C-alpha atoms as a PDB file:
ATOM      1  CA  MET A   1       7.441  22.986  -5.765  1.00  0.00           C
ATOM      2  CA  LYS A   2       4.213  22.510  -7.687  1.00  0.00           C
ATOM      3  CA  LEU A   3       3.909  19.032  -9.147  1.00  0.00           C
ATOM      4  CA  GLN A   4       3.555  18.589 -12.870  1.00  0.00           C
ATOM      5  CA  SER A   5       0.331  17.085 -14.147  1.00  0.00           C
ATOM      6  CA  ALA A   6       0.392  13.406 -15.141  1.00  0.00           C
ATOM      7  CA  GLU A   7      -0.149  14.415 -18.761  1.00  0.00           C
ATOM      8  CA  LYS A   8       2.838  16.774 -18.796  1.00  0.00           C
ATOM      9  CA  LEU A   9       4.991  14.255 -16.962  1.00  0.00           C
ATOM     10  CA  SER A  10       4.231  11.492 -19.450  1.00  0.00           C
ATOM     11  CA  GLU A  11       4.977  13.826 -22.347  1.00  0.00           C
ATOM     12  CA  LYS A  12       8.262  15.022 -20.849  1.00  0.00           C
ATOM     13  CA  ARG A  13       9.528  11.578 -19.894  1.00  0.00           C
ATOM     14  CA  ARG A  14       8.412   9.508 -22.876  1.00  0.00           C
ATOM     15  CA  TRP A  15      10.955   6.685 -23.089  1.00  0.00           C
ATOM     16  CA  TYR A  16       9.345   4.509 -25.736  1.00  0.00           C
ATOM     17  CA  ASP A  17       7.561   5.386 -28.941  1.00  0.00           C
ATOM     18  CA  ASP A  18       5.215   2.489 -28.247  1.00  0.00           C
ATOM     19  CA  ALA A  19       1.481   2.292 -27.491  1.00  0.00           C
ATOM     20  CA  CYS A  20       1.871  -0.958 -25.540  1.00  0.00           C
ATOM     21  CA  GLY A  21       0.512  -0.787 -21.994  1.00  0.00           C
ATOM     22  CA  THR A  22       3.665  -2.457 -20.718  1.00  0.00           C
ATOM     23  CA  ALA A  23       5.780   0.315 -22.215  1.00  0.00           C
ATOM     24  CA  PHE A  24       3.617   2.965 -20.575  1.00  0.00           C
ATOM     25  CA  ALA A  25       3.734   1.120 -17.240  1.00  0.00           C
ATOM     26  CA  LEU A  26       7.535   1.193 -17.378  1.00  0.00           C
ATOM     27  CA  GLU A  27       7.439   4.919 -18.022  1.00  0.00           C
ATOM     28  CA  MET A  28       5.420   5.377 -14.845  1.00  0.00           C
ATOM     29  CA  ILE A  29       7.125   2.925 -12.457  1.00  0.00           C
ATOM     30  CA  GLY A  30      10.223   1.683 -14.264  1.00  0.00           C
ATOM     31  CA  GLU A  31      12.728   4.097 -12.739  1.00  0.00           C
ATOM     32  CA  ARG A  32      15.031   2.812 -10.015  1.00  0.00           C
ATOM     33  CA  TRP A  33      13.350   2.732  -6.571  1.00  0.00           C
ATOM     34  CA  SER A  34       9.817   3.449  -7.828  1.00  0.00           C
ATOM     35  CA  MET A  35       8.411  -0.051  -7.371  1.00  0.00           C
ATOM     36  CA  LEU A  36      10.239  -0.483  -4.081  1.00  0.00           C
ATOM     37  CA  ILE A  37       8.594   2.681  -2.770  1.00  0.00           C
ATOM     38  CA  MET A  38       5.250   1.220  -3.799  1.00  0.00           C
ATOM     39  CA  ARG A  39       6.144  -2.034  -2.039  1.00  0.00           C
ATOM     40  CA  GLU A  40       6.855  -0.170   1.192  1.00  0.00           C
ATOM     41  CA  LEU A  41       3.450   1.520   0.972  1.00  0.00           C
ATOM     42  CA  MET A  42       1.496  -1.709   0.382  1.00  0.00           C
ATOM     43  CA  PHE A  43       0.837  -2.039   4.114  1.00  0.00           C
ATOM     44  CA  GLY A  44      -0.294   1.486   4.837  1.00  0.00           C
ATOM     45  CA  PRO A  45       0.865   5.115   4.869  1.00  0.00           C
ATOM     46  CA  ARG A  46       4.479   6.016   5.671  1.00  0.00           C
ATOM     47  CA  ARG A  47       6.307   9.237   6.416  1.00  0.00           C
ATOM     48  CA  PHE A  48       9.179  10.443   4.260  1.00  0.00           C
ATOM     49  CA  GLY A  49      11.758   9.585   6.923  1.00  0.00           C
ATOM     50  CA  GLU A  50      10.317   6.110   7.387  1.00  0.00           C
ATOM     51  CA  LEU A  51      10.525   5.401   3.677  1.00  0.00           C
ATOM     52  CA  ARG A  52      14.099   6.615   3.490  1.00  0.00           C
ATOM     53  CA  SER A  53      15.057   4.503   6.513  1.00  0.00           C
ATOM     54  CA  ASP A  54      13.564   1.331   5.035  1.00  0.00           C
ATOM     55  CA  LEU A  55      15.003   1.835   1.548  1.00  0.00           C
ATOM     56  CA  LYS A  56      18.696   1.469   2.225  1.00  0.00           C
ATOM     57  CA  GLY A  57      20.827   3.457  -0.180  1.00  0.00           C
ATOM     58  CA  ILE A  58      18.261   5.930  -1.486  1.00  0.00           C
ATOM     59  CA  SER A  59      19.100   9.624  -1.145  1.00  0.00           C
ATOM     60  CA  ALA A  60      16.630  12.244   0.033  1.00  0.00           C
ATOM     61  CA  LYS A  61      16.801  13.892  -3.399  1.00  0.00           C
ATOM     62  CA  VAL A  62      16.000  10.715  -5.324  1.00  0.00           C
ATOM     63  CA  LEU A  63      13.225   9.742  -2.902  1.00  0.00           C
ATOM     64  CA  THR A  64      11.674  13.183  -3.336  1.00  0.00           C
ATOM     65  CA  GLN A  65      11.847  12.873  -7.123  1.00  0.00           C
ATOM     66  CA  ARG A  66      10.302   9.407  -7.155  1.00  0.00           C
ATOM     67  CA  LEU A  67       7.508  10.415  -4.791  1.00  0.00           C
ATOM     68  CA  GLU A  68       6.721  13.411  -6.962  1.00  0.00           C
ATOM     69  CA  GLY A  69       6.613  11.236 -10.073  1.00  0.00           C
ATOM     70  CA  LEU A  70       4.402   8.600  -8.489  1.00  0.00           C
ATOM     71  CA  GLU A  71       2.076  11.273  -7.155  1.00  0.00           C
ATOM     72  CA  ALA A  72       1.872  13.006 -10.520  1.00  0.00           C
ATOM     73  CA  ASN A  73       0.879   9.691 -12.081  1.00  0.00           C
ATOM     74  CA  ARG A  74      -1.867   9.147  -9.454  1.00  0.00           C
ATOM     75  CA  ILE A  75      -0.181   6.073  -7.984  1.00  0.00           C
ATOM     76  CA  ILE A  76       0.357   7.620  -4.563  1.00  0.00           C
ATOM     77  CA  ARG A  77      -1.000  10.642  -2.722  1.00  0.00           C
ATOM     78  CA  ARG A  78       0.004  12.811   0.207  1.00  0.00           C
ATOM     79  CA  ARG A  79      -2.169  13.600   3.188  1.00  0.00           C
ATOM     80  CA  LYS A  80      -1.796  14.962   6.693  1.00  0.00           C
ATOM     81  CA  LEU A  81      -2.664  12.743   9.605  1.00  0.00           C
ATOM     82  CA  PRO A  82      -5.125  14.239  12.107  1.00  0.00           C
ATOM     83  CA  PRO A  83      -3.952  15.421  15.548  1.00  0.00           C
ATOM     84  CA  PRO A  84      -2.133  14.508  17.668  1.00  0.00           C
ATOM     85  CA  ALA A  85       0.149  13.142  14.902  1.00  0.00           C
ATOM     86  CA  SER A  86      -0.320  16.043  12.466  1.00  0.00           C
ATOM     87  CA  VAL A  87       2.391  14.758  10.123  1.00  0.00           C
ATOM     88  CA  GLN A  88       2.452  14.324   6.362  1.00  0.00           C
ATOM     89  CA  VAL A  89       2.373  10.789   5.034  1.00  0.00           C
ATOM     90  CA  TYR A  90       2.427   9.118   1.632  1.00  0.00           C
ATOM     91  CA  GLU A  91       0.007   6.357   0.712  1.00  0.00           C
ATOM     92  CA  LEU A  92      -1.034   4.399  -2.331  1.00  0.00           C
ATOM     93  CA  THR A  93      -4.194   5.368  -4.129  1.00  0.00           C
ATOM     94  CA  LYS A  94      -6.846   2.722  -4.750  1.00  0.00           C
ATOM     95  CA  TRP A  95      -5.374   2.281  -8.227  1.00  0.00           C
ATOM     96  CA  GLY A  96      -1.879   2.093  -6.753  1.00  0.00           C
ATOM     97  CA  TYR A  97      -2.887  -0.835  -4.547  1.00  0.00           C
ATOM     98  CA  GLU A  98      -3.976  -2.681  -7.692  1.00  0.00           C
ATOM     99  CA  ALA A  99      -0.286  -3.094  -8.558  1.00  0.00           C
ATOM    100  CA  GLU A 100       0.263  -5.736  -5.858  1.00  0.00           C
ATOM    101  CA  PRO A 101      -0.444  -8.714  -8.180  1.00  0.00           C
ATOM    102  CA  LEU A 102       2.077  -7.280 -10.655  1.00  0.00           C
ATOM    103  CA  MET A 103       4.750  -7.209  -7.954  1.00  0.00           C
ATOM    104  CA  GLN A 104       3.892 -10.733  -6.869  1.00  0.00           C
ATOM    105  CA  VAL A 105       4.158 -12.156 -10.370  1.00  0.00           C
ATOM    106  CA  LEU A 106       7.384 -10.253 -11.023  1.00  0.00           C
ATOM    107  CA  GLY A 107       8.873 -11.380  -7.707  1.00  0.00           C
ATOM    108  CA  ARG A 108       7.977 -15.034  -8.208  1.00  0.00           C
ATOM    109  CA  TRP A 109       9.296 -14.931 -11.780  1.00  0.00           C
ATOM    110  CA  ALA A 110      12.611 -13.355 -10.730  1.00  0.00           C
ATOM    111  CA  THR A 111      13.294 -15.762  -7.849  1.00  0.00           C
ATOM    112  CA  ARG A 112      13.564 -18.615 -10.339  1.00  0.00           C
ATOM    113  CA  HIS A 113      16.841 -17.167 -11.610  1.00  0.00           C
ATOM    114  CA  PRO A 114      19.959 -18.777 -10.075  1.00  0.00           C
ATOM    115  CA  GLY A 115      21.302 -15.309  -9.332  1.00  0.00           C
ATOM    116  CA  HIS A 116      18.583 -14.541  -6.803  1.00  0.00           C
ATOM    117  CA  ASP A 117      20.029 -14.479  -3.283  1.00  0.00           C
ATOM    118  CA  PRO A 118      17.400 -14.693  -0.495  1.00  0.00           C
ATOM    119  CA  SER A 119      20.077 -14.051   2.137  1.00  0.00           C
ATOM    120  CA  LEU A 120      20.545 -10.393   1.144  1.00  0.00           C
ATOM    121  CA  PRO A 121      19.081  -7.660   3.387  1.00  0.00           C
ATOM    122  CA  LEU A 122      15.392  -6.911   3.041  1.00  0.00           C
ATOM    123  CA  SER A 123      12.877  -4.610   4.645  1.00  0.00           C
ATOM    124  CA  ALA A 124      10.016  -5.649   6.903  1.00  0.00           C
ATOM    125  CA  ALA A 125       7.496  -4.768   4.178  1.00  0.00           C
ATOM    126  CA  SER A 126       9.478  -6.838   1.681  1.00  0.00           C
ATOM    127  CA  MET A 127       9.311  -9.788   4.076  1.00  0.00           C
ATOM    128  CA  MET A 128       5.533  -9.482   4.339  1.00  0.00           C
ATOM    129  CA  MET A 129       5.190  -9.099   0.578  1.00  0.00           C
ATOM    130  CA  SER A 130       7.236 -12.243   0.052  1.00  0.00           C
ATOM    131  CA  PHE A 131       4.831 -14.179   2.289  1.00  0.00           C
ATOM    132  CA  ARG A 132       1.873 -12.800   0.335  1.00  0.00           C
ATOM    133  CA  THR A 133       3.596 -13.933  -2.865  1.00  0.00           C
ATOM    134  CA  MET A 134       5.040 -17.322  -1.915  1.00  0.00           C
ATOM    135  CA  ILE A 135       2.262 -18.822   0.230  1.00  0.00           C
ATOM    136  CA  ASP A 136       1.578 -22.389  -0.918  1.00  0.00           C
ATOM    137  CA  ALA A 137      -2.158 -22.978  -0.609  1.00  0.00           C
ATOM    138  CA  GLN A 138      -1.764 -26.748  -0.680  1.00  0.00           C
ATOM    139  CA  ARG A 139       0.731 -26.734   2.172  1.00  0.00           C
ATOM    140  CA  ALA A 140      -1.383 -24.307   4.186  1.00  0.00           C
ATOM    141  CA  GLY A 141      -4.463 -26.493   3.706  1.00  0.00           C
ATOM    142  CA  ALA A 142      -7.134 -25.769   6.305  1.00  0.00           C
ATOM    143  CA  LEU A 143      -4.748 -23.945   8.650  1.00  0.00           C
ATOM    144  CA  ASP A 144      -6.486 -20.957  10.237  1.00  0.00           C
ATOM    145  CA  LYS A 145      -4.084 -19.066  12.495  1.00  0.00           C
ATOM    146  CA  LEU A 146      -3.033 -15.540  13.413  1.00  0.00           C
ATOM    147  CA  VAL A 147       0.700 -14.812  13.270  1.00  0.00           C
ATOM    148  CA  GLY A 148       2.390 -11.724  14.677  1.00  0.00           C
ATOM    149  CA  PHE A 149       5.665 -10.139  13.577  1.00  0.00           C
ATOM    150  CA  ARG A 150       7.845  -7.647  15.425  1.00  0.00           C
ATOM    151  CA  LEU A 151      10.588  -6.801  12.973  1.00  0.00           C
ATOM    152  CA  GLY A 152      12.661  -3.931  14.288  1.00  0.00           C
ATOM    153  CA  ASP A 153      10.379  -0.905  14.536  1.00  0.00           C
ATOM    154  CA  HIS A 154       7.701  -2.620  12.462  1.00  0.00           C
ATOM    155  CA  GLU A 155       4.802  -4.666  13.755  1.00  0.00           C
ATOM    156  CA  PHE A 156       2.412  -6.734  11.642  1.00  0.00           C
ATOM    157  CA  CYS A 157      -0.455  -9.121  12.186  1.00  0.00           C
ATOM    158  CA  GLY A 158      -0.937 -11.857   9.586  1.00  0.00           C
ATOM    159  CA  HIS A 159      -3.776 -14.318   9.046  1.00  0.00           C
ATOM    160  CA  ILE A 160      -3.409 -17.695   7.365  1.00  0.00           C
ATOM    161  CA  HIS A 161      -6.847 -18.712   6.135  1.00  0.00           C
ATOM    162  CA  ASN A 162      -8.209 -20.652   3.155  1.00  0.00           C
ATOM    163  CA  GLY A 163      -4.710 -21.158   1.790  1.00  0.00           C
ATOM    164  CA  ASP A 164      -4.012 -17.420   1.684  1.00  0.00           C
ATOM    165  CA  PHE A 165      -1.958 -15.034   3.790  1.00  0.00           C
ATOM    166  CA  THR A 166      -3.317 -11.581   4.555  1.00  0.00           C
ATOM    167  CA  VAL A 167      -1.403  -9.087   6.667  1.00  0.00           C
ATOM    168  CA  GLU A 168      -1.906  -5.690   8.277  1.00  0.00           C
ATOM    169  CA  ARG A 169       0.503  -3.218   9.777  1.00  0.00           C
ATOM    170  CA  ARG A 170      -0.839  -3.227  13.344  1.00  0.00           C
ATOM    171  CA  ALA A 171      -0.109  -4.481  16.829  1.00  0.00           C
ATOM    172  CA  ALA A 172       0.429  -8.233  17.007  1.00  0.00           C
ATOM    173  CA  GLU A 173      -2.204  -8.910  19.655  1.00  0.00           C
ATOM    174  CA  GLY A 174      -4.363 -11.994  20.161  1.00  0.00           C
ATOM    175  CA  VAL A 175      -2.178 -14.078  17.841  1.00  0.00           C
ATOM    176  CA  ASP A 176      -1.193 -17.740  18.006  1.00  0.00           C
ATOM    177  CA  VAL A 177       2.534 -17.094  17.646  1.00  0.00           C
ATOM    178  CA  ILE A 178       4.842 -14.066  17.402  1.00  0.00           C
ATOM    179  CA  PHE A 179       8.181 -13.858  15.607  1.00  0.00           C
ATOM    180  CA  THR A 180      10.550 -11.141  16.843  1.00  0.00           C
ATOM    181  CA  GLY A 181      13.840 -10.217  15.198  1.00  0.00           C
ATOM    182  CA  ALA A 182      15.412  -8.770  12.065  1.00  0.00           C
ATOM    183  CA  PRO A 183      13.668  -9.573   8.764  1.00  0.00           C
ATOM    184  CA  GLU A 184      16.828 -11.352   7.592  1.00  0.00           C
ATOM    185  CA  MET A 185      16.635 -13.771  10.526  1.00  0.00           C
ATOM    186  CA  LEU A 186      13.023 -14.621   9.792  1.00  0.00           C
ATOM    187  CA  ALA A 187      13.993 -15.121   6.142  1.00  0.00           C
ATOM    188  CA  ALA A 188      16.765 -17.472   7.286  1.00  0.00           C
ATOM    189  CA  ALA A 189      14.137 -19.697   8.905  1.00  0.00           C
ATOM    190  CA  VAL A 190      11.620 -19.514   6.064  1.00  0.00           C
ATOM    191  CA  TYR A 191      13.850 -19.459   2.978  1.00  0.00           C
ATOM    192  CA  GLY A 192      17.289 -20.388   4.276  1.00  0.00           C
ATOM    193  CA  GLY A 193      16.431 -23.664   5.944  1.00  0.00           C
ATOM    194  CA  GLN A 194      17.835 -22.705   9.354  1.00  0.00           C
ATOM    195  CA  SER A 195      16.052 -24.275  12.309  1.00  0.00           C
ATOM    196  CA  LEU A 196      13.938 -22.147  14.620  1.00  0.00           C
ATOM    197  CA  SER A 197      15.607 -23.749  17.620  1.00  0.00           C
ATOM    198  CA  GLN A 198      19.068 -22.787  16.372  1.00  0.00           C
ATOM    199  CA  LEU A 199      18.058 -19.219  15.591  1.00  0.00           C
ATOM    200  CA  GLN A 200      16.305 -18.851  18.924  1.00  0.00           C
ATOM    201  CA  LYS A 201      19.221 -20.339  20.831  1.00  0.00           C
ATOM    202  CA  SER A 202      21.610 -17.843  19.230  1.00  0.00           C
ATOM    203  CA  GLY A 203      19.262 -14.976  20.084  1.00  0.00           C
ATOM    204  CA  ALA A 204      18.787 -14.042  16.425  1.00  0.00           C
ATOM    205  CA  LEU A 205      15.062 -14.767  16.431  1.00  0.00           C
ATOM    206  CA  GLN A 206      12.518 -15.018  19.221  1.00  0.00           C
ATOM    207  CA  VAL A 207       9.425 -17.211  18.951  1.00  0.00           C
ATOM    208  CA  GLU A 208       6.611 -16.773  21.455  1.00  0.00           C
ATOM    209  CA  GLY A 209       3.414 -18.760  21.559  1.00  0.00           C
ATOM    210  CA  ASN A 210       2.433 -21.981  19.832  1.00  0.00           C
ATOM    211  CA  ARG A 211       5.649 -23.574  18.553  1.00  0.00           C
ATOM    212  CA  VAL A 212       3.716 -26.147  16.523  1.00  0.00           C
ATOM    213  CA  VAL A 213       2.168 -23.281  14.554  1.00  0.00           C
ATOM    214  CA  ALA A 214       5.573 -21.591  14.276  1.00  0.00           C
ATOM    215  CA  LYS A 215       7.219 -24.706  12.843  1.00  0.00           C
ATOM    216  CA  LYS A 216       4.353 -25.162  10.399  1.00  0.00           C
ATOM    217  CA  PHE A 217       4.416 -21.509   9.358  1.00  0.00           C
ATOM    218  CA  VAL A 218       8.053 -21.490   8.198  1.00  0.00           C
ATOM    219  CA  THR A 219       7.305 -24.372   5.782  1.00  0.00           C
ATOM    220  CA  LEU A 220       4.472 -22.635   3.931  1.00  0.00           C
ATOM    221  CA  PHE A 221       6.542 -20.498   1.550  1.00  0.00           C
ATOM    222  CA  PRO A 222       8.663 -22.651  -0.785  1.00  0.00           C
ATOM    223  CA  LEU A 223      10.772 -20.836  -3.343  1.00  0.00           C
ATOM    224  CA  PRO A 224      10.052 -21.852  -6.948  1.00  0.00           C
ATOM    225  CA  GLU A 225      12.392 -24.258  -8.691  1.00  0.00           C
ATOM    226  CA  LYS A 226      15.464 -22.588 -10.156  1.00  0.00           C
ATOM    227  CA  LEU A 227      15.990 -22.380 -13.895  1.00  0.00           C
ATOM    228  CA  GLU A 228      18.590 -24.586 -15.470  1.00  0.00           C
ATOM    229  CA  LEU A 229      20.359 -21.999 -17.575  1.00  0.00           C
ATOM    230  CA  GLU A 230      22.107 -23.231 -20.672  1.00  0.00           C
ATOM    231  CA  THR A 231      25.859 -22.869 -20.621  1.00  0.00           C
ATOM    232  CA  VAL A 232      27.433 -20.847 -23.402  1.00  0.00           C
END
Protein backbone atom coordinates (compact mmCIF):
# COMPACT_ATOMS: atom_id res chain seq x y z
CA MET A 1 0.00 0.00 0.00
CA LYS A 2 1.40 3.37 -1.01
CA LEU A 3 2.16 5.56 1.98
CA GLN A 4 0.46 8.90 2.34
CA SER A 5 2.63 11.99 2.22
CA ALA A 6 3.49 13.66 5.54
CA GLU A 7 1.39 16.66 4.52
CA LYS A 8 -1.70 14.56 3.82
CA LEU A 9 -1.19 12.55 6.99
CA SER A 10 -0.97 15.64 9.17
CA GLU A 11 -4.10 17.06 7.55
CA LYS A 12 -6.07 13.84 7.96
CA ARG A 13 -5.05 13.22 11.57
CA ARG A 14 -5.14 16.74 12.99
CA TRP A 15 -5.96 16.27 16.67
CA TYR A 16 -5.46 19.80 17.94
CA ASP A 17 -6.37 23.15 16.45
CA ASP A 18 -3.13 24.50 17.90
CA ALA A 19 0.05 25.87 16.32
CA CYS A 20 2.18 24.86 19.31
CA GLY A 21 5.12 22.62 18.40
CA THR A 22 4.26 20.34 21.29
CA ALA A 23 0.79 19.79 19.88
CA PHE A 24 2.22 18.94 16.47
CA ALA A 25 4.78 16.59 18.04
CA LEU A 26 1.95 14.71 19.74
CA GLU A 27 0.17 14.38 16.42
CA MET A 28 3.25 12.73 14.97
CA ILE A 29 4.38 10.47 17.84
CA GLY A 30 1.62 10.64 20.45
CA GLU A 31 -0.26 7.50 19.42
CA ARG A 32 0.17 4.38 21.53
CA TRP A 33 3.38 2.46 20.70
CA SER A 34 4.90 5.16 18.47
CA MET A 35 7.56 6.36 20.90
CA LEU A 36 8.31 2.82 22.01
CA ILE A 37 8.98 1.84 18.40
CA MET A 38 11.37 4.78 18.18
CA ARG A 39 13.03 3.65 21.41
CA GLU A 40 13.63 0.19 19.98
CA LEU A 41 15.27 1.74 16.91
CA MET A 42 17.62 4.02 18.88
CA PHE A 43 20.36 1.39 18.73
CA GLY A 44 20.18 0.54 15.06
CA PRO A 45 17.92 -0.97 12.39
CA ARG A 46 15.44 -3.73 13.24
CA ARG A 47 13.27 -6.07 11.21
CA PHE A 48 9.50 -6.09 11.55
CA GLY A 49 9.52 -9.41 13.42
CA GLU A 50 12.21 -8.20 15.81
CA LEU A 51 10.21 -5.10 16.66
CA ARG A 52 7.06 -7.10 17.25
CA SER A 53 8.95 -9.57 19.46
CA ASP A 54 10.44 -6.82 21.63
CA LEU A 55 7.21 -4.84 21.97
CA LYS A 56 5.10 -7.23 23.99
CA GLY A 57 1.40 -6.85 23.30
CA ILE A 58 1.50 -5.04 19.97
CA SER A 59 -0.37 -6.64 17.07
CA ALA A 60 1.03 -6.95 13.57
CA LYS A 61 -1.72 -4.63 12.31
CA VAL A 62 -0.99 -1.87 14.82
CA LEU A 63 2.78 -2.17 14.31
CA THR A 64 2.27 -1.84 10.56
CA GLN A 65 0.10 1.25 11.04
CA ARG A 66 2.56 2.92 13.40
CA LEU A 67 5.52 2.20 11.12
CA GLU A 68 3.64 3.66 8.18
CA GLY A 69 2.80 6.79 10.17
CA LEU A 70 6.34 7.28 11.42
CA GLU A 71 7.71 6.76 7.92
CA ALA A 72 5.23 9.20 6.42
CA ASN A 73 6.37 11.80 8.94
CA ARG A 74 10.06 11.21 8.06
CA ILE A 75 10.92 9.87 11.51
CA ILE A 76 11.88 6.41 10.27
CA ARG A 77 12.70 4.89 6.90
CA ARG A 78 12.80 1.44 5.34
CA ARG A 79 15.75 -0.05 3.53
CA LYS A 80 16.95 -3.44 2.37
CA LEU A 81 20.13 -4.84 3.83
CA PRO A 82 22.73 -5.97 1.28
CA PRO A 83 23.39 -9.68 0.65
CA PRO A 84 23.67 -12.14 2.23
CA ALA A 85 20.99 -10.74 4.60
CA SER A 86 18.78 -9.20 1.90
CA VAL A 87 16.00 -8.39 4.38
CA GLN A 88 13.98 -5.24 4.92
CA VAL A 89 14.68 -3.26 8.06
CA TYR A 90 13.36 -0.10 9.68
CA GLU A 91 15.66 2.58 11.04
CA LEU A 92 15.44 6.09 12.39
CA THR A 93 16.29 8.97 10.13
CA LYS A 94 18.88 11.50 11.27
CA TRP A 95 16.01 13.69 12.46
CA GLY A 96 14.43 10.70 14.20
CA TYR A 97 17.58 10.13 16.25
CA GLU A 98 17.29 13.72 17.48
CA ALA A 99 14.32 12.60 19.59
CA GLU A 100 16.53 10.74 22.09
CA PRO A 101 16.89 13.73 24.48
CA LEU A 102 13.09 14.09 24.47
CA MET A 103 12.70 10.47 25.55
CA GLN A 104 15.34 10.88 28.23
CA VAL A 105 13.71 13.95 29.74
CA LEU A 106 10.27 12.34 29.58
CA GLY A 107 11.55 9.12 31.15
CA ARG A 108 13.36 10.88 33.98
CA TRP A 109 10.33 13.09 34.63
CA ALA A 110 7.93 10.12 34.74
CA THR A 111 10.05 7.99 37.08
CA ARG A 112 9.57 10.57 39.82
CA HIS A 113 5.92 9.55 40.11
CA PRO A 114 5.21 7.06 42.92
CA GLY A 115 3.29 4.91 40.45
CA HIS A 116 6.38 4.08 38.42
CA ASP A 117 7.34 0.43 38.91
CA PRO A 118 10.90 -0.43 37.78
CA SER A 119 10.24 -4.14 38.36
CA LEU A 120 7.88 -4.45 35.38
CA PRO A 121 9.13 -6.18 32.20
CA LEU A 122 11.27 -4.15 29.84
CA SER A 123 13.07 -4.71 26.58
CA ALA A 124 16.83 -4.81 26.09
CA ALA A 125 16.72 -1.48 24.24
CA SER A 126 14.69 0.03 27.08
CA MET A 127 17.36 -1.14 29.53
CA MET A 128 20.10 0.55 27.49
CA MET A 129 18.03 3.71 27.13
CA SER A 130 17.52 3.83 30.88
CA PHE A 131 21.29 3.72 31.40
CA ARG A 132 21.74 6.53 28.87
CA THR A 133 19.12 8.53 30.79
CA MET A 134 19.98 7.81 34.42
CA ILE A 135 23.80 7.87 34.39
CA ASP A 136 25.05 10.02 37.26
CA ALA A 137 28.14 11.86 36.04
CA GLN A 138 29.32 12.62 39.56
CA ARG A 139 29.16 8.98 40.61
CA ALA A 140 30.86 7.85 37.41
CA GLY A 141 33.66 10.38 37.93
CA ALA A 142 36.78 9.47 35.96
CA LEU A 143 35.69 5.87 35.37
CA ASP A 144 36.65 4.75 31.86
CA LYS A 145 35.47 1.20 31.22
CA LEU A 146 33.84 -0.95 28.56
CA VAL A 147 30.80 -2.96 29.65
CA GLY A 148 29.17 -5.73 27.65
CA PHE A 149 25.56 -6.92 27.81
CA ARG A 150 24.07 -10.17 26.55
CA LEU A 151 20.36 -9.80 27.16
CA GLY A 152 18.49 -12.65 25.54
CA ASP A 153 19.06 -12.39 21.79
CA HIS A 154 20.47 -8.89 22.14
CA GLU A 155 24.10 -7.94 22.56
CA PHE A 156 25.42 -4.46 23.35
CA CYS A 157 28.74 -2.84 24.12
CA GLY A 158 28.68 0.20 26.41
CA HIS A 159 31.38 2.72 27.28
CA ILE A 160 31.50 4.71 30.50
CA HIS A 161 33.66 7.76 29.85
CA ASN A 162 33.70 11.38 31.04
CA GLY A 163 30.62 10.79 33.16
CA ASP A 164 28.57 9.61 30.18
CA PHE A 165 27.35 6.24 28.95
CA THR A 166 27.39 5.49 25.23
CA VAL A 167 26.24 2.16 23.84
CA GLU A 168 26.17 0.29 20.54
CA ARG A 169 24.32 -2.79 19.42
CA ARG A 170 27.33 -5.01 18.68
CA ALA A 171 29.30 -7.94 20.01
CA ALA A 172 30.52 -7.46 23.57
CA GLU A 173 34.19 -8.09 22.85
CA GLY A 174 37.25 -6.64 24.56
CA VAL A 175 35.19 -5.37 27.50
CA ASP A 176 36.04 -5.14 31.19
CA VAL A 177 32.91 -6.95 32.37
CA ILE A 178 29.91 -8.68 30.77
CA PHE A 179 26.40 -9.00 32.19
CA THR A 180 24.34 -11.90 30.85
CA GLY A 181 20.67 -12.50 31.61
CA ALA A 182 17.17 -11.10 31.17
CA PRO A 183 16.85 -7.30 31.19
CA GLU A 184 14.62 -7.56 34.28
CA MET A 185 17.40 -9.28 36.22
CA LEU A 186 19.91 -6.59 35.32
CA ALA A 187 17.32 -3.98 36.35
CA ALA A 188 16.93 -5.80 39.67
CA ALA A 189 20.62 -5.22 40.37
CA VAL A 190 20.72 -1.62 39.14
CA TYR A 191 17.34 -0.27 40.23
CA GLY A 192 15.99 -2.91 42.60
CA GLY A 193 18.86 -3.04 45.05
CA GLN A 194 19.43 -6.79 44.73
CA SER A 195 23.03 -7.90 45.19
CA LEU A 196 25.02 -9.20 42.24
CA SER A 197 26.18 -12.14 44.32
CA GLN A 198 22.61 -13.16 45.12
CA LEU A 199 21.46 -12.85 41.53
CA GLN A 200 24.48 -14.75 40.27
CA LYS A 201 24.08 -17.48 42.87
CA SER A 202 20.46 -18.01 41.83
CA GLY A 203 21.49 -18.18 38.17
CA ALA A 204 19.35 -15.16 37.25
CA LEU A 205 22.31 -13.05 36.16
CA GLN A 206 25.83 -13.94 35.11
CA VAL A 207 28.77 -11.58 35.62
CA GLU A 208 32.04 -12.27 33.84
CA GLY A 209 35.18 -10.21 34.11
CA ASN A 210 36.18 -7.51 36.57
CA ARG A 211 33.78 -7.75 39.51
CA VAL A 212 35.02 -4.46 40.97
CA VAL A 213 33.86 -2.73 37.78
CA ALA A 214 30.59 -4.69 37.88
CA LYS A 215 29.83 -3.63 41.45
CA LYS A 216 30.66 -0.02 40.61
CA PHE A 217 28.56 -0.08 37.44
CA VAL A 218 25.29 -1.03 39.15
CA THR A 219 25.59 2.03 41.44
CA LEU A 220 25.86 4.60 38.65
CA PHE A 221 22.16 4.96 37.81
CA PRO A 222 20.16 6.28 40.78
CA LEU A 223 16.46 6.84 40.24
CA PRO A 224 15.32 10.41 40.94
CA GLU A 225 13.60 11.19 44.21
CA LYS A 226 9.89 10.39 44.21
CA LEU A 227 7.29 13.12 44.41
CA GLU A 228 5.41 13.59 47.62
CA LEU A 229 1.90 13.76 46.23
CA GLU A 230 -0.64 15.68 48.24
CA THR A 231 -3.44 13.60 49.66
CA VAL A 232 -6.96 14.56 48.70
